[in-house]
Amino acid sequence: MNLDRTVTLFAGCMVLLSVILTQFVSPYFLWFTVFIGANLIQSSLTGFCPAASIFRKFGIKTGCAFG
């Protein structure tokens, strides 16, 4: 699995987790979903993704998007 797929998998899991937490724990977890969405928008506009930087340090091979 390359870095691009890892980042999108991680983002998807975080969105699902935040929706579950919003439903069952507190509606304030909706802000976590907003944060994830803002990070996705920011990374698409700038090409910088904090999660990609962290995963790269773990040795995951780079893909096309976050090279």
PDB file of N, CA and C in Angstrom:
ATOM      1  N   MET A   1       0.854  -1.173   0.000  1.00  0.00           N
ATOM      2  CA  MET A   1       0.000   0.000   0.000  1.00  0.00           C
ATOM      3  C   MET A   1       0.897   1.234   0.000  1.00  0.00           C
ATOM      4  N   ASN A   2       0.597   2.166  -0.897  1.00  0.00           N
ATOM      5  CA  ASN A   2       1.425   3.363  -0.967  1.00  0.00           C
ATOM      6  C   ASN A   2       0.857   4.473  -0.073  1.00  0.00           C
ATOM      7  N   LEU A   3       1.561   5.569  -0.036  1.00  0.00           N
ATOM      8  CA  LEU A   3       1.224   6.672   0.857  1.00  0.00           C
ATOM      9  C   LEU A   3      -0.139   7.278   0.537  1.00  0.00           C
ATOM     10  N   ASP A   4      -0.465   7.405  -0.741  1.00  0.00           N
ATOM     11  CA  ASP A   4      -1.746   7.999  -1.135  1.00  0.00           C
ATOM     12  C   ASP A   4      -2.920   7.192  -0.582  1.00  0.00           C
ATOM     13  N   ARG A   5      -2.852   5.900  -0.758  1.00  0.00           N
ATOM     14  CA  ARG A   5      -3.936   5.039  -0.272  1.00  0.00           C
ATOM     15  C   ARG A   5      -3.991   5.020   1.252  1.00  0.00           C
ATOM     16  N   THR A   6      -2.834   5.072   1.882  1.00  0.00           N
ATOM     17  CA  THR A   6      -2.795   5.079   3.342  1.00  0.00           C
ATOM     18  C   THR A   6      -3.445   6.341   3.896  1.00  0.00           C
ATOM     19  N   VAL A   7      -3.148   7.477   3.284  1.00  0.00           N
ATOM     20  CA  VAL A   7      -3.721   8.746   3.745  1.00  0.00           C
ATOM     21  C   VAL A   7      -5.234   8.761   3.546  1.00  0.00           C
ATOM     22  N   THR A   8      -5.709   8.307   2.397  1.00  0.00           N
ATOM     23  CA  THR A   8      -7.158   8.308   2.171  1.00  0.00           C
ATOM     24  C   THR A   8      -7.864   7.298   3.072  1.00  0.00           C
ATOM     25  N   LEU A   9      -7.227   6.156   3.324  1.00  0.00           N
ATOM     26  CA  LEU A   9      -7.792   5.181   4.260  1.00  0.00           C
ATOM     27  C   LEU A   9      -7.877   5.773   5.663  1.00  0.00           C
ATOM     28  N   PHE A  10      -6.817   6.424   6.090  1.00  0.00           N
ATOM     29  CA  PHE A  10      -6.786   7.046   7.412  1.00  0.00           C
ATOM     30  C   PHE A  10      -7.856   8.135   7.530  1.00  0.00           C
ATOM     31  N   ALA A  11      -7.977   8.980   6.502  1.00  0.00           N
ATOM     32  CA  ALA A  11      -8.979  10.049   6.534  1.00  0.00           C
ATOM     33  C   ALA A  11     -10.388   9.469   6.592  1.00  0.00           C
ATOM     34  N   GLY A  12     -10.641   8.444   5.810  1.00  0.00           N
ATOM     35  CA  GLY A  12     -11.956   7.811   5.837  1.00  0.00           C
ATOM     36  C   GLY A  12     -12.281   7.198   7.186  1.00  0.00           C
ATOM     37  N   CYS A  13     -11.303   6.536   7.786  1.00  0.00           N
ATOM     38  CA  CYS A  13     -11.510   5.946   9.114  1.00  0.00           C
ATOM     39  C   CYS A  13     -11.767   7.026  10.163  1.00  0.00           C
ATOM     40  N   MET A  14     -11.048   8.132  10.066  1.00  0.00           N
ATOM     41  CA  MET A  14     -11.246   9.217  11.028  1.00  0.00           C
ATOM     42  C   MET A  14     -12.624   9.860  10.868  1.00  0.00           C
ATOM     43  N   VAL A  15     -13.098  10.001   9.633  1.00  0.00           N
ATOM     44  CA  VAL A  15     -14.440  10.551   9.417  1.00  0.00           C
ATOM     45  C   VAL A  15     -15.488   9.614  10.013  1.00  0.00           C
ATOM     46  N   LEU A  16     -15.364   8.326   9.742  1.00  0.00           N
ATOM     47  CA  LEU A  16     -16.324   7.372  10.299  1.00  0.00           C
ATOM     48  C   LEU A  16     -16.275   7.359  11.824  1.00  0.00           C
ATOM     49  N   LEU A  17     -15.072   7.396  12.387  1.00  0.00           N
ATOM     50  CA  LEU A  17     -14.931   7.431  13.838  1.00  0.00           C
ATOM     51  C   LEU A  17     -15.579   8.683  14.422  1.00  0.00           C
ATOM     52  N   SER A  18     -15.365   9.819  13.779  1.00  0.00           N
ATOM     53  CA  SER A  18     -15.933  11.059  14.308  1.00  0.00           C
ATOM     54  C   SER A  18     -17.455  11.063  14.221  1.00  0.00           C
ATOM     55  N   VAL A  19     -18.010  10.467  13.179  1.00  0.00           N
ATOM     56  CA  VAL A  19     -19.468  10.380  13.069  1.00  0.00           C
ATOM     57  C   VAL A  19     -20.027   9.462  14.155  1.00  0.00           C
ATOM     58  N   ILE A  20     -19.364   8.347  14.397  1.00  0.00           N
ATOM     59  CA  ILE A  20     -19.804   7.429  15.457  1.00  0.00           C
ATOM     60  C   ILE A  20     -19.716   8.109  16.822  1.00  0.00           C
ATOM     61  N   LEU A  21     -18.617   8.812  17.071  1.00  0.00           N
ATOM     62  CA  LEU A  21     -18.474   9.516  18.346  1.00  0.00           C
ATOM     63  C   LEU A  21     -19.520  10.619  18.497  1.00  0.00           C
ATOM     64  N   THR A  22     -19.834  11.298  17.398  1.00  0.00           N
ATOM     65  CA  THR A  22     -20.873  12.331  17.440  1.00  0.00           C
ATOM     66  C   THR A  22     -22.221  11.721  17.792  1.00  0.00           C
ATOM     67  N   GLN A  23     -22.511  10.573  17.227  1.00  0.00           N
ATOM     68  CA  GLN A  23     -23.806   9.928  17.448  1.00  0.00           C
ATOM     69  C   GLN A  23     -23.938   9.371  18.862  1.00  0.00           C
ATOM     70  N   PHE A  24     -22.882   8.743  19.364  1.00  0.00           N
ATOM     71  CA  PHE A  24     -23.012   7.990  20.607  1.00  0.00           C
ATOM     72  C   PHE A  24     -22.379   8.634  21.837  1.00  0.00           C
ATOM     73  N   VAL A  25     -21.486   9.597  21.656  1.00  0.00           N
ATOM     74  CA  VAL A  25     -20.800  10.177  22.812  1.00  0.00           C
ATOM     75  C   VAL A  25     -21.231  11.620  23.046  1.00  0.00           C
ATOM     76  N   SER A  26     -20.958  12.479  22.069  1.00  0.00           N
ATOM     77  CA  SER A  26     -21.279  13.892  22.236  1.00  0.00           C
ATOM     78  C   SER A  26     -21.407  14.554  20.869  1.00  0.00           C
ATOM     79  N   PRO A  27     -22.373  15.442  20.712  1.00  0.00           N
ATOM     80  CA  PRO A  27     -22.490  16.144  19.434  1.00  0.00           C
ATOM     81  C   PRO A  27     -21.304  17.070  19.146  1.00  0.00           C
ATOM     82  N   TYR A  28     -20.512  17.363  20.148  1.00  0.00           N
ATOM     83  CA  TYR A  28     -19.341  18.216  19.937  1.00  0.00           C
ATOM     84  C   TYR A  28     -18.257  17.536  19.108  1.00  0.00           C
ATOM     85  N   PHE A  29     -18.333  16.216  18.975  1.00  0.00           N
ATOM     86  CA  PHE A  29     -17.380  15.520  18.112  1.00  0.00           C
ATOM     87  C   PHE A  29     -17.599  15.858  16.640  1.00  0.00           C
ATOM     88  N   LEU A  30     -18.680  16.539  16.327  1.00  0.00           N
ATOM     89  CA  LEU A  30     -18.887  17.007  14.958  1.00  0.00           C
ATOM     90  C   LEU A  30     -17.760  17.955  14.547  1.00  0.00           C
ATOM     91  N   TRP A  31     -17.192  18.668  15.508  1.00  0.00           N
ATOM     92  CA  TRP A  31     -16.068  19.557  15.212  1.00  0.00           C
ATOM     93  C   TRP A  31     -14.846  18.772  14.751  1.00  0.00           C
ATOM     94  N   PHE A  32     -14.715  17.539  15.198  1.00  0.00           N
ATOM     95  CA  PHE A  32     -13.639  16.670  14.725  1.00  0.00           C
ATOM     96  C   PHE A  32     -13.829  16.380  13.234  1.00  0.00           C
ATOM     97  N   THR A  33     -15.065  16.140  12.834  1.00  0.00           N
ATOM     98  CA  THR A  33     -15.376  15.922  11.419  1.00  0.00           C
ATOM     99  C   THR A  33     -15.061  17.170  10.603  1.00  0.00           C
ATOM    100  N   VAL A  34     -15.403  18.325  11.138  1.00  0.00           N
ATOM    101  CA  VAL A  34     -15.106  19.592  10.459  1.00  0.00           C
ATOM    102  C   VAL A  34     -13.595  19.772  10.305  1.00  0.00           C
ATOM    103  N   PHE A  35     -12.847  19.448  11.343  1.00  0.00           N
ATOM    104  CA  PHE A  35     -11.387  19.553  11.290  1.00  0.00           C
ATOM    105  C   PHE A  35     -10.809  18.641  10.205  1.00  0.00           C
ATOM    106  N   ILE A  36     -11.316  17.428  10.113  1.00  0.00           N
ATOM    107  CA  ILE A  36     -10.832  16.488   9.104  1.00  0.00           C
ATOM    108  C   ILE A  36     -11.139  17.022   7.703  1.00  0.00           C
ATOM    109  N   GLY A  37     -12.352  17.519   7.515  1.00  0.00           N
ATOM    110  CA  GLY A  37     -12.718  18.087   6.221  1.00  0.00           C
ATOM    111  C   GLY A  37     -11.860  19.281   5.850  1.00  0.00           C
ATOM    112  N   ALA A  38     -11.590  20.141   6.818  1.00  0.00           N
ATOM    113  CA  ALA A  38     -10.737  21.307   6.563  1.00  0.00           C
ATOM    114  C   ALA A  38      -9.318  20.873   6.197  1.00  0.00           C
ATOM    115  N   ASN A  39      -8.823  19.831   6.861  1.00  0.00           N
ATOM    116  CA  ASN A  39      -7.498  19.307   6.529  1.00  0.00           C
ATOM    117  C   ASN A  39      -7.465  18.735   5.116  1.00  0.00           C
ATOM    118  N   LEU A  40      -8.532  18.056   4.709  1.00  0.00           N
ATOM    119  CA  LEU A  40      -8.589  17.512   3.353  1.00  0.00           C
ATOM    120  C   LEU A  40      -8.602  18.629   2.312  1.00  0.00           C
ATOM    121  N   ILE A  41      -9.361  19.683   2.583  1.00  0.00           N
ATOM    122  CA  ILE A  41      -9.391  20.826   1.662  1.00  0.00           C
ATOM    123  C   ILE A  41      -8.021  21.488   1.599  1.00  0.00           C
ATOM    124  N   GLN A  42      -7.421  21.708   2.756  1.00  0.00           N
ATOM    125  CA  GLN A  42      -6.107  22.345   2.819  1.00  0.00           C
ATOM    126  C   GLN A  42      -5.064  21.528   2.067  1.00  0.00           C
ATOM    127  N   SER A  43      -5.064  20.220   2.241  1.00  0.00           N
ATOM    128  CA  SER A  43      -4.051  19.401   1.570  1.00  0.00           C
ATOM    129  C   SER A  43      -4.275  19.353   0.061  1.00  0.00           C
ATOM    130  N   SER A  44      -5.523  19.441  -0.370  1.00  0.00           N
ATOM    131  CA  SER A  44      -5.768  19.442  -1.814  1.00  0.00           C
ATOM    132  C   SER A  44      -5.333  20.757  -2.458  1.00  0.00           C
ATOM    133  N   LEU A  45      -5.393  21.850  -1.706  1.00  0.00           N
ATOM    134  CA  LEU A  45      -5.002  23.149  -2.253  1.00  0.00           C
ATOM    135  C   LEU A  45      -3.498  23.395  -2.180  1.00  0.00           C
ATOM    136  N   THR A  46      -2.860  22.904  -1.125  1.00  0.00           N
ATOM    137  CA  THR A  46      -1.441  23.209  -0.928  1.00  0.00           C
ATOM    138  C   THR A  46      -0.513  22.047  -1.257  1.00  0.00           C
ATOM    139  N   GLY A  47      -1.035  20.828  -1.236  1.00  0.00           N
ATOM    140  CA  GLY A  47      -0.189  19.663  -1.462  1.00  0.00           C
ATOM    141  C   GLY A  47       0.524  19.193  -0.209  1.00  0.00           C
ATOM    142  N   PHE A  48       0.316  19.880   0.908  1.00  0.00           N
ATOM    143  CA  PHE A  48       0.932  19.482   2.180  1.00  0.00           C
ATOM    144  C   PHE A  48      -0.102  18.770   3.034  1.00  0.00           C
ATOM    145  N   CYS A  49       0.251  17.586   3.496  1.00  0.00           N
ATOM    146  CA  CYS A  49      -0.645  16.812   4.343  1.00  0.00           C
ATOM    147  C   CYS A  49       0.124  16.355   5.582  1.00  0.00           C
ATOM    148  N   PRO A  50      -0.295  16.799   6.768  1.00  0.00           N
ATOM    149  CA  PRO A  50       0.407  16.391   7.988  1.00  0.00           C
ATOM    150  C   PRO A  50       0.427  14.874   8.182  1.00  0.00           C
ATOM    151  N   ALA A  51      -0.669  14.211   7.857  1.00  0.00           N
ATOM    152  CA  ALA A  51      -0.712  12.751   8.010  1.00  0.00           C
ATOM    153  C   ALA A  51       0.286  12.078   7.073  1.00  0.00           C
ATOM    154  N   ALA A  52       0.434  12.608   5.868  1.00  0.00           N
ATOM    155  CA  ALA A  52       1.393  12.035   4.922  1.00  0.00           C
ATOM    156  C   ALA A  52       2.814  12.163   5.449  1.00  0.00           C
ATOM    157  N   SER A  53       3.107  13.278   6.089  1.00  0.00           N
ATOM    158  CA  SER A  53       4.446  13.461   6.666  1.00  0.00           C
ATOM    159  C   SER A  53       4.724  12.427   7.747  1.00  0.00           C
ATOM    160  N   ILE A  54       3.728  12.155   8.557  1.00  0.00           N
ATOM    161  CA  ILE A  54       3.891  11.171   9.633  1.00  0.00           C
ATOM    162  C   ILE A  54       4.034   9.767   9.060  1.00  0.00           C
ATOM    163  N   PHE A  55       3.174   9.419   8.106  1.00  0.00           N
ATOM    164  CA  PHE A  55       3.249   8.084   7.508  1.00  0.00           C
ATOM    165  C   PHE A  55       4.554   7.879   6.747  1.00  0.00           C
ATOM    166  N   ARG A  56       5.067   8.937   6.135  1.00  0.00           N
ATOM    167  CA  ARG A  56       6.342   8.842   5.416  1.00  0.00           C
ATOM    168  C   ARG A  56       7.463   8.480   6.387  1.00  0.00           C
ATOM    169  N   LYS A  57       7.408   9.024   7.606  1.00  0.00           N
ATOM    170  CA  LYS A  57       8.424   8.706   8.613  1.00  0.00           C
ATOM    171  C   LYS A  57       8.347   7.252   9.058  1.00  0.00           C
ATOM    172  N   PHE A  58       7.167   6.635   8.908  1.00  0.00           N
ATOM    173  CA  PHE A  58       7.014   5.217   9.224  1.00  0.00           C
ATOM    174  C   PHE A  58       7.527   4.324   8.104  1.00  0.00           C
ATOM    175  N   GLY A  59       7.954   4.928   7.002  1.00  0.00           N
ATOM    176  CA  GLY A  59       8.551   4.162   5.924  1.00  0.00           C
ATOM    177  C   GLY A  59       7.597   3.706   4.841  1.00  0.00           C
ATOM    178  N   ILE A  60       6.416   4.288   4.784  1.00  0.00           N
ATOM    179  CA  ILE A  60       5.465   3.915   3.736  1.00  0.00           C
ATOM    180  C   ILE A  60       5.912   4.556   2.425  1.00  0.00           C
ATOM    181  N   LYS A  61       5.898   3.770   1.364  1.00  0.00           N
ATOM    182  CA  LYS A  61       6.361   4.246   0.059  1.00  0.00           C
ATOM    183  C   LYS A  61       5.466   5.360  -0.458  1.00  0.00           C
ATOM    184  N   THR A  62       6.086   6.368  -1.052  1.00  0.00           N
ATOM    185  CA  THR A  62       5.324   7.503  -1.565  1.00  0.00           C
ATOM    186  C   THR A  62       4.583   7.120  -2.836  1.00  0.00           C
ATOM    187  N   GLY A  63       3.476   7.819  -3.055  1.00  0.00           N
ATOM    188  CA  GLY A  63       2.690   7.630  -4.265  1.00  0.00           C
ATOM    189  C   GLY A  63       2.789   8.871  -5.130  1.00  0.00           C
ATOM    190  N   CYS A  64       1.792   9.093  -5.954  1.00  0.00           N
ATOM    191  CA  CYS A  64       1.805  10.239  -6.865  1.00  0.00           C
ATOM    192  C   CYS A  64       1.431  11.547  -6.177  1.00  0.00           C
ATOM    193  N   ALA A  65       0.457  11.501  -5.289  1.00  0.00           N
ATOM    194  CA  ALA A  65      -0.095  12.734  -4.729  1.00  0.00           C
ATOM    195  C   ALA A  65       0.800  13.364  -3.670  1.00  0.00           C
ATOM    196  N   PHE A  66       1.381  12.576  -2.806  1.00  0.00           N
ATOM    197  CA  PHE A  66       2.137  13.124  -1.681  1.00  0.00           C
ATOM    198  C   PHE A  66       3.621  12.794  -1.781  1.00  0.00           C
ATOM    199  N   GLY A  67       4.169  12.873  -2.957  1.00  0.00           N
ATOM    200  CA  GLY A  67       5.569  12.515  -3.189  1.00  0.00           C
ATOM    201  C   GLY A  67       6.523  13.467  -2.664  1.00  0.00           C
TER     202      GLY A  67
END
